[in-house]
Amino acid sequence: MEGFTVFLFLITIFSGTAAYSQPKEAPQGACPDEQTLTRDARLFLSEAQKLMAENKLNQASKQLTQFIAQHPDENHAYVTFTLAGLNLEMGKMETAVAFYEKTLALCPAYAPAWQNLGKICYDLGRFERAAQALEKTWELTGRTNHTLRFHSAVARLSAKQPAKALPHLEFLTSGQAGPPEENWVKLMVQLSIENKKSAKALKTVERLLAIPNAKPYLLRLAASLNLALNNHKKAAQNLSAYGLITPLPLREQTLLADLYNNIGIPALAAKNYEKALALKSSLKLYERLASAWFDACEMNKALAAVKQGLKAYPHSHAMWKLKGWIHYEAKVFNKASSAFAKALVLNKKDAKSLFMHGLCACRAGHTDQARKILKQAAAHRRYKTQAMALIRQMDAVDTTKG
């Protein structure tokens, strides 16, 4: 099935993340804002803000850094938070991280600092710290921002901590967070399969499928989960239903055909192999198509598939061998013998084709040719008894005629 490309998936998610929080007005329960600044701090900040308005960010940063150096006892979260934002705008990511960390040391409940720290740490590849920061932001903002929780899961996954990412996704898709977004469900299913928790994920997907006007992608996910659980019949049903809504790509069309083969419905398998071949010709698909029609006892269709396949791939050992079996079942022994002979040319180690070549020659009445071939087959221990029995049978017939 579709295997998500996790790295690209995560980049896509975070490339759309909202801009960094700016020091406007402190949220309820957070650290105090400008109103709690000392007179000196207020003066320095005023000068810095004028410089910022003139886009003199470097000078503004120096102004506030000078204040901290001159007034070590007047550390204030608003000053360090402003400095962090200045360094961020100047592209000094490491320095910005240091000031956000300092802000949080002064005020552990300042959600904007946590959120910005999480975003920067993710960009810097510090995924575990990013996850911690985003999780903290989610907690401090009332545990209702589900996008933040999803980003926390993504950061945990980027930090190679799927066991910590999955609980976030399970909650987001449980219904407690409202109707889940498609990305949430897809990532939850992917992680559940990778962590061998497909049964639990399948219950979630089936619950979502039971909702009126369920989205088609859920059928595809259900197929993936049932496949992971070796429920091939249900996987085929899911994928077939999905295919009725939207055309299946080659990979999934082939998978559906393989599933029908595995559950013993070769006629349906063949029809789906035909659909796959309409998308792209391949040797394996022709071989599977012909074999499926053969297993379905549709010999005319099997022969037609073999002939069509051999036009495109004349050196297919498997199709020549299957052609031999088709003619053998139809008791057309001359053609069967010729087909097995061709298969033997393409794979000289194929003792089965060698024996069948001789057997069919015998049944076609070509006894001299059959003896020669069967003597070669008798050199293979597996076919020695059968080959010698046929030779003796032909000898007895010749003696009777003589």
Protein backbone atom coordinates (compact mmCIF):
# COMPACT_ATOMS: atom_id res chain seq x y z
CA MET A 1 0.00 0.00 0.00
CA GLU A 2 0.76 3.50 0.15
CA GLY A 3 3.58 4.06 2.22
CA PHE A 4 3.77 7.57 3.40
CA THR A 5 7.11 9.31 2.81
CA VAL A 6 7.48 10.45 6.39
CA PHE A 7 10.26 13.00 5.93
CA LEU A 8 8.47 14.89 3.16
CA PHE A 9 5.19 14.56 5.03
CA LEU A 10 6.64 16.26 8.10
CA ILE A 11 8.22 19.05 6.07
CA THR A 12 4.85 19.71 4.45
CA ILE A 13 3.16 19.94 7.83
CA PHE A 14 5.62 22.36 9.37
CA SER A 15 6.07 24.52 6.30
CA GLY A 16 2.53 25.71 6.89
CA THR A 17 2.93 26.38 10.60
CA ALA A 18 1.71 29.76 11.81
CA ALA A 19 4.17 32.59 12.29
CA TYR A 20 6.06 32.97 15.54
CA SER A 21 4.23 34.52 18.47
CA GLN A 22 5.05 38.16 19.09
CA PRO A 23 5.13 39.91 22.48
CA LYS A 24 1.82 41.71 22.29
CA GLU A 25 -0.34 41.02 25.29
CA ALA A 26 0.38 38.31 27.84
CA PRO A 27 -2.33 35.64 28.04
CA GLN A 28 -4.17 34.98 31.26
CA GLY A 29 -1.94 33.17 33.77
CA ALA A 30 1.23 34.06 31.85
CA CYS A 31 4.09 36.32 32.88
CA PRO A 32 3.45 40.05 33.30
CA ASP A 33 3.96 42.35 30.33
CA GLU A 34 5.39 45.87 30.01
CA GLN A 35 3.33 47.19 32.94
CA THR A 36 5.58 45.36 35.42
CA LEU A 37 8.84 46.64 33.91
CA THR A 38 11.11 48.87 35.98
CA ARG A 39 11.69 52.45 34.90
CA ASP A 40 15.14 51.62 33.49
CA ALA A 41 13.85 48.60 31.62
CA ARG A 42 10.99 50.64 30.18
CA LEU A 43 13.42 53.30 28.90
CA PHE A 44 15.72 50.77 27.25
CA LEU A 45 12.76 48.99 25.68
CA SER A 46 11.37 52.26 24.37
CA GLU A 47 14.68 53.05 22.68
CA ALA A 48 14.88 49.51 21.30
CA GLN A 49 11.36 49.72 19.91
CA LYS A 50 12.20 52.95 18.08
CA LEU A 51 15.19 51.22 16.49
CA MET A 52 13.02 48.24 15.57
CA ALA A 53 10.52 50.57 13.90
CA GLU A 54 13.41 51.92 11.81
CA ASN A 55 14.40 48.31 10.98
CA LYS A 56 17.64 48.72 12.92
CA LEU A 57 17.32 45.30 14.47
CA ASN A 58 20.98 44.80 15.29
CA GLN A 59 21.16 48.09 17.17
CA ALA A 60 17.95 47.29 19.02
CA SER A 61 19.40 43.94 20.05
CA LYS A 62 22.56 45.62 21.32
CA GLN A 63 20.44 48.12 23.26
CA LEU A 64 18.60 45.38 25.16
CA THR A 65 21.71 43.25 25.62
CA GLN A 66 23.41 46.30 27.15
CA PHE A 67 20.49 46.70 29.55
CA ILE A 68 20.81 43.10 30.76
CA ALA A 69 24.57 43.56 31.24
CA GLN A 70 24.14 46.80 33.16
CA HIS A 71 21.19 45.62 35.25
CA PRO A 72 21.76 41.93 36.06
CA ASP A 73 19.27 42.12 38.93
CA GLU A 74 16.47 43.35 36.71
CA ASN A 75 16.04 40.32 34.45
CA HIS A 76 12.55 40.37 33.02
CA ALA A 77 10.86 37.76 30.86
CA TYR A 78 9.48 40.44 28.54
CA VAL A 79 12.99 41.78 27.82
CA THR A 80 14.46 38.35 27.10
CA PHE A 81 11.41 37.41 25.02
CA THR A 82 11.82 40.59 22.96
CA LEU A 83 15.52 39.83 22.50
CA ALA A 84 14.67 36.32 21.38
CA GLY A 85 12.28 37.69 18.77
CA LEU A 86 14.87 40.19 17.52
CA ASN A 87 17.49 37.49 17.05
CA LEU A 88 14.94 35.32 15.32
CA GLU A 89 14.14 38.07 12.82
CA MET A 90 17.87 38.53 12.19
CA GLY A 91 18.25 34.82 11.51
CA LYS A 92 20.33 34.17 14.62
CA MET A 93 18.51 30.99 15.52
CA GLU A 94 20.89 29.67 18.17
CA THR A 95 20.89 32.98 20.03
CA ALA A 96 17.10 33.14 19.78
CA VAL A 97 16.86 29.68 21.34
CA ALA A 98 19.10 30.76 24.21
CA PHE A 99 16.91 33.79 24.94
CA TYR A 100 13.68 31.77 24.72
CA GLU A 101 15.15 29.26 27.17
CA LYS A 102 16.11 32.15 29.46
CA THR A 103 12.60 33.58 29.16
CA LEU A 104 11.15 30.25 30.23
CA ALA A 105 13.59 29.96 33.12
CA LEU A 106 12.20 33.28 34.34
CA CYS A 107 8.60 32.41 33.50
CA PRO A 108 7.84 28.71 32.87
CA ALA A 109 4.19 29.45 32.07
CA TYR A 110 4.80 31.83 29.14
CA ALA A 111 3.09 29.97 26.28
CA PRO A 112 4.27 32.22 23.39
CA ALA A 113 7.89 31.52 24.34
CA TRP A 114 7.23 27.77 24.43
CA GLN A 115 5.56 27.87 21.01
CA ASN A 116 8.35 29.85 19.37
CA LEU A 117 10.98 27.63 21.00
CA GLY A 118 9.23 24.58 19.58
CA LYS A 119 9.16 25.96 16.05
CA ILE A 120 12.82 27.02 16.08
CA CYS A 121 14.02 23.75 17.60
CA TYR A 122 12.15 21.84 14.91
CA ASP A 123 13.82 23.94 12.21
CA LEU A 124 17.20 23.28 13.85
CA GLY A 125 16.57 19.54 13.96
CA ARG A 126 16.25 19.38 17.76
CA PHE A 127 13.10 17.38 17.49
CA GLU A 128 12.80 16.10 21.05
CA ARG A 129 13.08 19.60 22.52
CA ALA A 130 10.65 20.84 19.86
CA ALA A 131 8.17 18.17 20.93
CA GLN A 132 8.54 19.09 24.59
CA ALA A 133 7.99 22.77 23.81
CA LEU A 134 4.94 22.17 21.63
CA GLU A 135 3.41 19.81 24.18
CA LYS A 136 3.93 22.45 26.87
CA THR A 137 2.30 25.07 24.65
CA TRP A 138 -0.70 22.80 24.16
CA GLU A 139 -1.03 22.33 27.93
CA LEU A 140 -0.69 26.03 28.73
CA THR A 141 -3.22 27.11 26.10
CA GLY A 142 -6.02 25.01 27.56
CA ARG A 143 -5.42 21.68 25.77
CA THR A 144 -7.88 22.69 23.06
CA ASN A 145 -5.53 23.59 20.20
CA HIS A 146 -5.57 20.27 18.37
CA THR A 147 -3.22 21.49 15.64
CA LEU A 148 -0.58 22.04 18.32
CA ARG A 149 -1.06 18.51 19.56
CA PHE A 150 -0.69 17.17 16.03
CA HIS A 151 2.52 19.14 15.59
CA SER A 152 3.72 17.66 18.89
CA ALA A 153 3.13 14.20 17.45
CA VAL A 154 5.02 15.10 14.28
CA ALA A 155 7.97 16.37 16.33
CA ARG A 156 7.99 13.17 18.41
CA LEU A 157 7.99 11.15 15.21
CA SER A 158 10.85 13.24 13.82
CA ALA A 159 12.73 12.55 17.05
CA LYS A 160 12.26 8.82 16.36
CA GLN A 161 9.90 8.47 19.30
CA PRO A 162 6.84 6.88 17.66
CA ALA A 163 5.67 5.42 20.98
CA LYS A 164 5.27 8.99 22.28
CA ALA A 165 3.75 10.27 19.04
CA LEU A 166 1.04 7.64 18.74
CA PRO A 167 -0.96 8.57 21.90
CA HIS A 168 -1.34 12.13 20.56
CA LEU A 169 -2.70 10.80 17.27
CA GLU A 170 -4.96 8.25 18.93
CA PHE A 171 -6.56 11.05 20.94
CA LEU A 172 -6.94 13.31 17.91
CA THR A 173 -8.71 10.56 15.96
CA SER A 174 -10.79 9.23 18.86
CA GLY A 175 -13.65 11.68 18.36
CA GLN A 176 -12.82 13.61 21.53
CA ALA A 177 -11.16 16.31 19.43
CA GLY A 178 -14.06 16.54 16.99
CA PRO A 179 -13.98 15.33 13.38
CA PRO A 180 -10.34 14.42 12.69
CA GLU A 181 -8.36 15.90 9.84
CA GLU A 182 -7.19 13.55 7.11
CA ASN A 183 -3.51 14.02 7.98
CA TRP A 184 -4.17 13.00 11.57
CA VAL A 185 -5.87 9.76 10.57
CA LYS A 186 -3.29 8.84 7.95
CA LEU A 187 -0.36 9.35 10.29
CA MET A 188 -2.13 7.47 13.08
CA VAL A 189 -2.67 4.50 10.77
CA GLN A 190 0.91 4.57 9.55
CA LEU A 191 2.34 4.56 13.06
CA SER A 192 -0.13 1.93 14.24
CA ILE A 193 0.95 -0.43 11.46
CA GLU A 194 4.63 0.21 12.17
CA ASN A 195 4.11 -0.37 15.91
CA LYS A 196 1.92 -3.47 15.45
CA LYS A 197 -1.21 -1.80 16.81
CA SER A 198 -3.27 -2.23 13.67
CA ALA A 199 -6.26 -3.81 15.44
CA LYS A 200 -6.85 -0.72 17.58
CA ALA A 201 -6.40 1.60 14.61
CA LEU A 202 -8.81 -0.46 12.54
CA LYS A 203 -11.56 0.07 15.14
CA THR A 204 -11.03 3.82 14.83
CA VAL A 205 -11.14 3.74 11.03
CA GLU A 206 -14.23 1.52 11.01
CA ARG A 207 -15.95 3.93 13.40
CA LEU A 208 -15.16 6.81 11.04
CA LEU A 209 -16.41 4.77 8.07
CA ALA A 210 -19.72 4.24 9.85
CA ILE A 211 -20.35 8.00 9.93
CA PRO A 212 -22.63 9.16 7.06
CA ASN A 213 -20.77 10.52 4.03
CA ALA A 214 -17.47 9.02 5.17
CA LYS A 215 -14.52 10.06 3.02
CA PRO A 216 -13.19 7.48 0.52
CA TYR A 217 -9.60 7.60 1.80
CA LEU A 218 -10.80 5.74 4.91
CA LEU A 219 -11.52 2.66 2.78
CA ARG A 220 -7.95 2.73 1.58
CA LEU A 221 -6.66 2.97 5.14
CA ALA A 222 -8.95 0.13 6.22
CA ALA A 223 -7.47 -1.98 3.43
CA SER A 224 -3.94 -1.24 4.67
CA LEU A 225 -4.86 -2.17 8.24
CA ASN A 226 -6.64 -5.37 7.25
CA LEU A 227 -3.66 -6.29 5.11
CA ALA A 228 -1.36 -5.74 8.09
CA LEU A 229 -3.63 -8.03 10.12
CA ASN A 230 -3.63 -10.66 7.33
CA ASN A 231 -7.38 -10.17 6.83
CA HIS A 232 -6.98 -10.51 3.07
CA LYS A 233 -10.68 -10.94 2.34
CA LYS A 234 -11.62 -7.73 4.15
CA ALA A 235 -8.65 -5.91 2.63
CA ALA A 236 -9.88 -6.91 -0.83
CA GLN A 237 -13.40 -5.73 0.02
CA ASN A 238 -12.09 -2.37 1.25
CA LEU A 239 -9.84 -1.83 -1.75
CA SER A 240 -12.53 -2.94 -4.19
CA ALA A 241 -15.00 -0.46 -2.65
CA TYR A 242 -12.39 2.28 -2.85
CA GLY A 243 -11.83 1.41 -6.52
CA LEU A 244 -15.52 1.92 -7.24
CA ILE A 245 -15.21 5.52 -6.06
CA THR A 246 -11.86 6.48 -7.54
CA PRO A 247 -9.62 4.74 -10.11
CA LEU A 248 -6.90 2.67 -8.47
CA PRO A 249 -3.29 3.40 -9.40
CA LEU A 250 -1.19 0.54 -10.77
CA ARG A 251 0.27 -0.54 -7.45
CA GLU A 252 -3.10 -0.81 -5.72
CA GLN A 253 -4.80 -2.37 -8.74
CA THR A 254 -2.14 -5.08 -8.74
CA LEU A 255 -2.48 -5.51 -4.98
CA LEU A 256 -6.24 -6.00 -5.32
CA ALA A 257 -5.66 -8.69 -7.95
CA ASP A 258 -3.07 -10.39 -5.73
CA LEU A 259 -5.49 -10.33 -2.80
CA TYR A 260 -8.21 -12.04 -4.83
CA ASN A 261 -5.64 -14.63 -5.84
CA ASN A 262 -4.66 -15.20 -2.21
CA ILE A 263 -8.25 -15.72 -1.06
CA GLY A 264 -8.98 -18.16 -3.86
CA ILE A 265 -11.04 -16.10 -6.31
CA PRO A 266 -8.83 -16.33 -9.43
CA ALA A 267 -11.50 -15.09 -11.85
CA LEU A 268 -11.75 -11.76 -9.99
CA ALA A 269 -7.97 -11.70 -9.72
CA ALA A 270 -7.69 -12.06 -13.50
CA LYS A 271 -10.14 -9.22 -14.16
CA ASN A 272 -8.10 -6.94 -11.92
CA TYR A 273 -4.83 -8.01 -13.52
CA GLU A 274 -6.40 -6.97 -16.84
CA LYS A 275 -7.12 -3.53 -15.38
CA ALA A 276 -3.54 -3.30 -14.14
CA LEU A 277 -2.21 -4.26 -17.58
CA ALA A 278 -4.32 -1.51 -19.11
CA LEU A 279 -2.33 0.92 -16.97
CA LYS A 280 1.09 -0.53 -17.74
CA SER A 281 2.38 -3.63 -19.51
CA SER A 282 4.71 -5.90 -17.56
CA LEU A 283 5.93 -9.48 -17.75
CA LYS A 284 4.85 -10.31 -14.20
CA LEU A 285 1.33 -9.03 -14.81
CA TYR A 286 0.92 -11.13 -17.96
CA GLU A 287 2.21 -14.18 -16.10
CA ARG A 288 -0.17 -13.59 -13.20
CA LEU A 289 -3.10 -12.90 -15.54
CA ALA A 290 -2.62 -16.11 -17.49
CA SER A 291 -2.08 -18.12 -14.31
CA ALA A 292 -5.24 -16.68 -12.74
CA TRP A 293 -7.38 -17.61 -15.75
CA PHE A 294 -5.81 -21.08 -15.69
CA ASP A 295 -6.64 -21.49 -11.99
CA ALA A 296 -10.18 -20.31 -12.75
CA CYS A 297 -10.42 -23.14 -15.36
CA GLU A 298 -10.97 -20.52 -18.08
CA MET A 299 -8.59 -22.21 -20.52
CA ASN A 300 -9.50 -20.15 -23.58
CA LYS A 301 -8.92 -16.91 -21.68
CA ALA A 302 -5.72 -18.30 -20.18
CA LEU A 303 -4.42 -19.24 -23.64
CA ALA A 304 -5.37 -15.83 -25.04
CA ALA A 305 -3.50 -14.14 -22.19
CA VAL A 306 -0.44 -16.34 -22.75
CA LYS A 307 -0.39 -15.62 -26.48
CA GLN A 308 -0.74 -11.89 -25.89
CA GLY A 309 1.96 -11.99 -23.23
CA LEU A 310 4.37 -13.98 -25.40
CA LYS A 311 4.02 -11.41 -28.18
CA ALA A 312 5.37 -8.80 -25.80
CA TYR A 313 7.72 -11.08 -23.85
CA PRO A 314 8.70 -14.04 -26.07
CA HIS A 315 11.41 -15.21 -23.68
CA SER A 316 9.17 -15.76 -20.66
CA HIS A 317 9.92 -19.24 -19.33
CA ALA A 318 6.85 -19.12 -17.06
CA MET A 319 4.43 -18.32 -19.89
CA TRP A 320 5.80 -21.01 -22.22
CA LYS A 321 5.49 -23.51 -19.40
CA LEU A 322 1.94 -22.39 -18.65
CA LYS A 323 1.10 -22.63 -22.35
CA GLY A 324 2.25 -26.24 -22.18
CA TRP A 325 -0.06 -26.93 -19.25
CA ILE A 326 -3.01 -25.27 -20.99
CA HIS A 327 -2.57 -27.47 -24.06
CA TYR A 328 -2.01 -30.50 -21.83
CA GLU A 329 -5.32 -29.91 -20.04
CA ALA A 330 -6.99 -29.58 -23.45
CA LYS A 331 -5.28 -32.84 -24.54
CA VAL A 332 -3.57 -31.07 -27.43
CA PHE A 333 -0.37 -32.98 -26.77
CA ASN A 334 1.60 -31.92 -29.87
CA LYS A 335 1.33 -28.25 -28.93
CA ALA A 336 1.86 -29.04 -25.26
CA SER A 337 5.10 -30.88 -26.04
CA SER A 338 6.36 -27.98 -28.17
CA ALA A 339 5.55 -25.43 -25.45
CA PHE A 340 7.33 -27.44 -22.74
CA ALA A 341 10.29 -27.81 -25.11
CA LYS A 342 10.44 -24.01 -25.48
CA ALA A 343 10.28 -23.59 -21.70
CA LEU A 344 13.16 -26.07 -21.39
CA VAL A 345 15.27 -24.07 -23.85
CA LEU A 346 14.76 -20.99 -21.69
CA ASN A 347 15.61 -22.86 -18.48
CA LYS A 348 17.67 -26.00 -19.02
CA LYS A 349 17.48 -26.87 -15.31
CA ASP A 350 13.70 -27.17 -15.42
CA ALA A 351 13.35 -30.94 -14.93
CA LYS A 352 9.55 -30.68 -14.74
CA SER A 353 9.33 -29.20 -18.24
CA LEU A 354 11.74 -31.86 -19.50
CA PHE A 355 9.55 -34.66 -18.14
CA MET A 356 6.33 -33.04 -19.43
CA HIS A 357 7.95 -32.55 -22.85
CA GLY A 358 8.58 -36.30 -22.98
CA LEU A 359 5.19 -37.24 -21.55
CA CYS A 360 3.33 -35.10 -24.08
CA ALA A 361 5.44 -36.47 -26.93
CA CYS A 362 4.48 -39.95 -25.73
CA ARG A 363 0.79 -39.04 -25.60
CA ALA A 364 1.05 -37.51 -29.07
CA GLY A 365 2.40 -40.80 -30.41
CA HIS A 366 5.95 -39.62 -31.05
CA THR A 367 7.48 -42.61 -29.28
CA ASP A 368 11.04 -42.33 -30.58
CA GLN A 369 11.26 -38.68 -29.59
CA ALA A 370 9.55 -39.45 -26.28
CA ARG A 371 12.04 -42.22 -25.39
CA LYS A 372 14.97 -39.92 -25.99
CA ILE A 373 13.49 -37.15 -23.87
CA LEU A 374 12.32 -39.44 -21.07
CA LYS A 375 15.75 -41.05 -20.78
CA GLN A 376 17.09 -37.56 -20.06
CA ALA A 377 14.30 -37.00 -17.55
CA ALA A 378 15.14 -40.31 -15.84
CA ALA A 379 18.50 -38.83 -14.90
CA HIS A 380 16.62 -36.65 -12.42
CA ARG A 381 15.83 -38.66 -9.32
CA ARG A 382 12.44 -37.02 -8.85
CA TYR A 383 11.20 -38.17 -12.28
CA LYS A 384 13.18 -41.40 -12.72
CA THR A 385 10.37 -43.78 -11.72
CA GLN A 386 7.72 -42.06 -13.87
CA ALA A 387 10.01 -41.68 -16.88
CA MET A 388 11.15 -45.31 -16.82
CA ALA A 389 7.55 -46.50 -16.43
CA LEU A 390 6.55 -44.60 -19.56
CA ILE A 391 9.51 -46.01 -21.48
CA ARG A 392 8.56 -49.55 -20.47
CA GLN A 393 4.96 -48.84 -21.44
CA MET A 394 6.04 -47.70 -24.92
CA ASP A 395 8.34 -50.73 -25.26
CA ALA A 396 5.46 -53.06 -24.36
CA VAL A 397 3.21 -51.43 -26.96
CA ASP A 398 5.90 -51.74 -29.61
CA THR A 399 6.44 -55.42 -28.72
CA THR A 400 2.71 -56.10 -29.02
CA LYS A 401 2.62 -54.42 -32.42
CA GLY A 402 5.68 -56.39 -33.53
